[in-house]
Protein backbone atom coordinates (compact mmCIF):
# COMPACT_ATOMS: atom_id res chain seq x y z
CA MET A 1 121.34 116.26 112.06
CA LYS A 2 117.89 116.38 110.57
CA ILE A 3 115.27 118.52 112.30
CA ASN A 4 111.87 118.34 110.66
CA ASP A 5 112.68 119.06 107.01
CA ARG A 6 115.98 120.87 107.69
CA ASN A 7 119.47 119.40 107.55
CA ILE A 8 121.74 121.18 110.00
CA VAL A 9 125.35 120.86 111.07
CA ALA A 10 125.94 121.94 114.68
CA ASP A 11 129.43 122.40 116.09
CA THR A 12 130.66 123.39 119.53
CA LYS A 13 133.69 125.63 119.93
CA TYR A 14 135.50 125.92 123.22
CA LYS A 15 136.79 129.42 122.73
CA ILE A 16 135.56 132.92 123.32
CA VAL A 17 133.58 134.64 120.59
CA TYR A 18 134.09 138.39 120.52
CA GLY A 19 131.55 141.05 119.71
CA ASP A 20 132.28 143.82 117.24
CA ALA A 21 129.42 145.57 115.47
CA ASN A 22 131.72 146.47 112.55
CA ASP A 23 132.95 142.92 111.97
CA PRO A 24 131.32 141.35 108.90
CA LYS A 25 132.09 137.89 110.37
CA LYS A 26 130.01 138.76 113.46
CA GLY A 27 132.76 137.68 115.84
CA ILE A 28 133.27 134.27 114.25
CA VAL A 29 136.92 133.44 113.63
CA GLN A 30 137.90 133.09 109.96
CA THR A 31 139.13 129.52 110.41
CA ASP A 32 135.77 128.53 111.92
CA LEU A 33 134.00 129.99 108.88
CA TYR A 34 136.22 127.96 106.53
CA GLN A 35 135.52 124.83 108.55
CA MET A 36 131.76 125.47 108.50
CA LEU A 37 131.78 126.02 104.74
CA ALA A 38 133.66 122.73 104.32
CA TYR A 39 130.97 121.02 106.42
CA ALA A 40 128.22 122.63 104.34
CA VAL A 41 129.74 121.40 101.10
CA ARG A 42 130.67 117.95 102.43
CA PHE A 43 127.31 117.23 104.06
CA LYS A 44 125.22 119.18 101.52
CA VAL A 45 123.58 121.43 104.09
CA ASN A 46 122.85 125.12 103.98
CA GLU A 47 122.36 125.72 107.69
CA ILE A 48 125.17 125.70 110.23
CA VAL A 49 124.88 126.35 113.96
CA LEU A 50 127.94 127.21 116.05
CA TYR A 51 127.89 127.07 119.83
CA TYR A 52 130.28 129.04 122.02
CA PRO A 53 130.33 129.17 125.83
CA ASN A 54 129.36 132.31 127.67
CA THR A 55 132.19 133.84 129.67
CA ILE A 56 132.84 134.93 133.21
CA ASN A 57 133.04 138.55 132.03
CA GLU A 58 129.91 138.55 129.92
CA GLN A 59 126.55 137.28 131.12
CA GLU A 60 124.72 138.61 128.06
CA THR A 61 125.02 136.41 125.00
CA ASN A 62 126.50 137.47 121.69
CA ASP A 63 124.34 135.58 119.20
CA SER A 64 124.75 136.32 115.50
CA GLU A 65 123.79 135.26 112.02
CA LEU A 66 125.40 135.66 108.63
CA SER A 67 125.02 134.24 105.15
CA ILE A 68 127.80 133.27 102.80
CA VAL A 69 127.43 132.50 99.12
CA ASP A 70 129.78 129.67 98.18
CA GLU A 71 130.91 130.28 94.61
CA LEU A 72 132.61 126.87 94.47
CA ALA A 73 129.31 125.13 95.24
CA ASP A 74 127.04 126.57 92.54
CA ASP A 75 126.51 129.83 94.47
CA LYS A 76 124.89 127.93 97.32
CA LYS A 77 123.85 130.22 100.17
CA VAL A 78 124.94 128.97 103.58
CA LEU A 79 123.36 130.38 106.73
CA ILE A 80 125.73 130.37 109.71
CA ARG A 81 124.29 131.19 113.11
CA SER A 82 126.27 131.37 116.33
CA PHE A 83 124.99 131.22 119.87
CA GLN A 84 126.61 131.62 123.24
CA LEU A 85 125.22 129.09 125.65
CA PRO A 86 125.09 129.36 129.44
CA ILE A 87 127.69 127.20 131.12
CA ILE A 88 128.43 129.40 134.13
CA ASN A 89 126.19 129.59 137.18
CA PHE A 90 126.63 133.26 138.02
CA ASP A 91 124.61 132.80 141.23
CA LEU A 92 127.66 131.10 142.72
CA PHE A 93 129.51 134.45 142.63
CA ASP A 94 126.87 136.21 144.72
CA LYS A 95 128.17 136.54 148.28
CA ASP A 96 124.64 135.90 149.60
CA TYR A 97 124.13 132.74 147.57
CA GLU A 98 123.28 129.71 149.67
CA ARG A 99 124.64 126.51 148.22
CA LYS A 100 122.27 123.65 147.74
CA LYS A 101 122.84 120.17 149.14
CA THR A 102 124.72 118.90 146.08
CA LEU A 103 126.68 120.39 143.22
CA GLU A 104 124.17 118.81 140.85
CA LEU A 105 121.36 120.83 142.44
CA ASP A 106 123.46 124.01 142.20
CA PHE A 107 123.62 123.52 138.44
CA ASN A 108 120.12 122.15 137.81
CA ASP A 109 118.65 125.50 136.71
CA LEU A 110 121.68 126.16 134.52
CA LYS A 111 121.18 122.78 132.85
CA LYS A 112 117.56 123.70 132.09
CA ASP A 113 118.70 127.05 130.64
CA LEU A 114 121.27 125.26 128.49
CA VAL A 115 118.70 122.84 127.06
CA LYS A 116 116.28 125.72 126.48
CA GLY A 117 119.00 127.68 124.66
CA ILE A 118 119.86 124.75 122.39
CA LYS A 119 116.20 124.14 121.53
CA LYS A 120 115.68 127.84 120.81
CA SER A 121 118.76 127.95 118.58
CA LEU A 122 117.44 125.02 116.54
CA ASN A 123 113.88 126.37 116.46
CA ILE A 124 112.44 123.26 118.13
């Protein structure tokens, strides 16, 4: 996608990203990195955004950023950023939570948070 003057590839992963401060891949699985580099070369972009869902165990997000220099593509530097996006309405787990009239209304605030998170991740 093109955002202002930037070409970006965004990809959604339906798996759990893990957090480890000592991991040089910042919790991104090796196969995902290979796939993102292939996208960068194929589509001639230097910015990749990965989206992962937040989890039931972790309300806080594990966002990260790393750069890779692709020696096979004229030492092109590829920026890979990952973001965990809110897909779980944690209010539903509160024993005092009062459900709204419809399921759609129960998730309306979450939908707004999701859109806000995507816009923030793309700097728009």
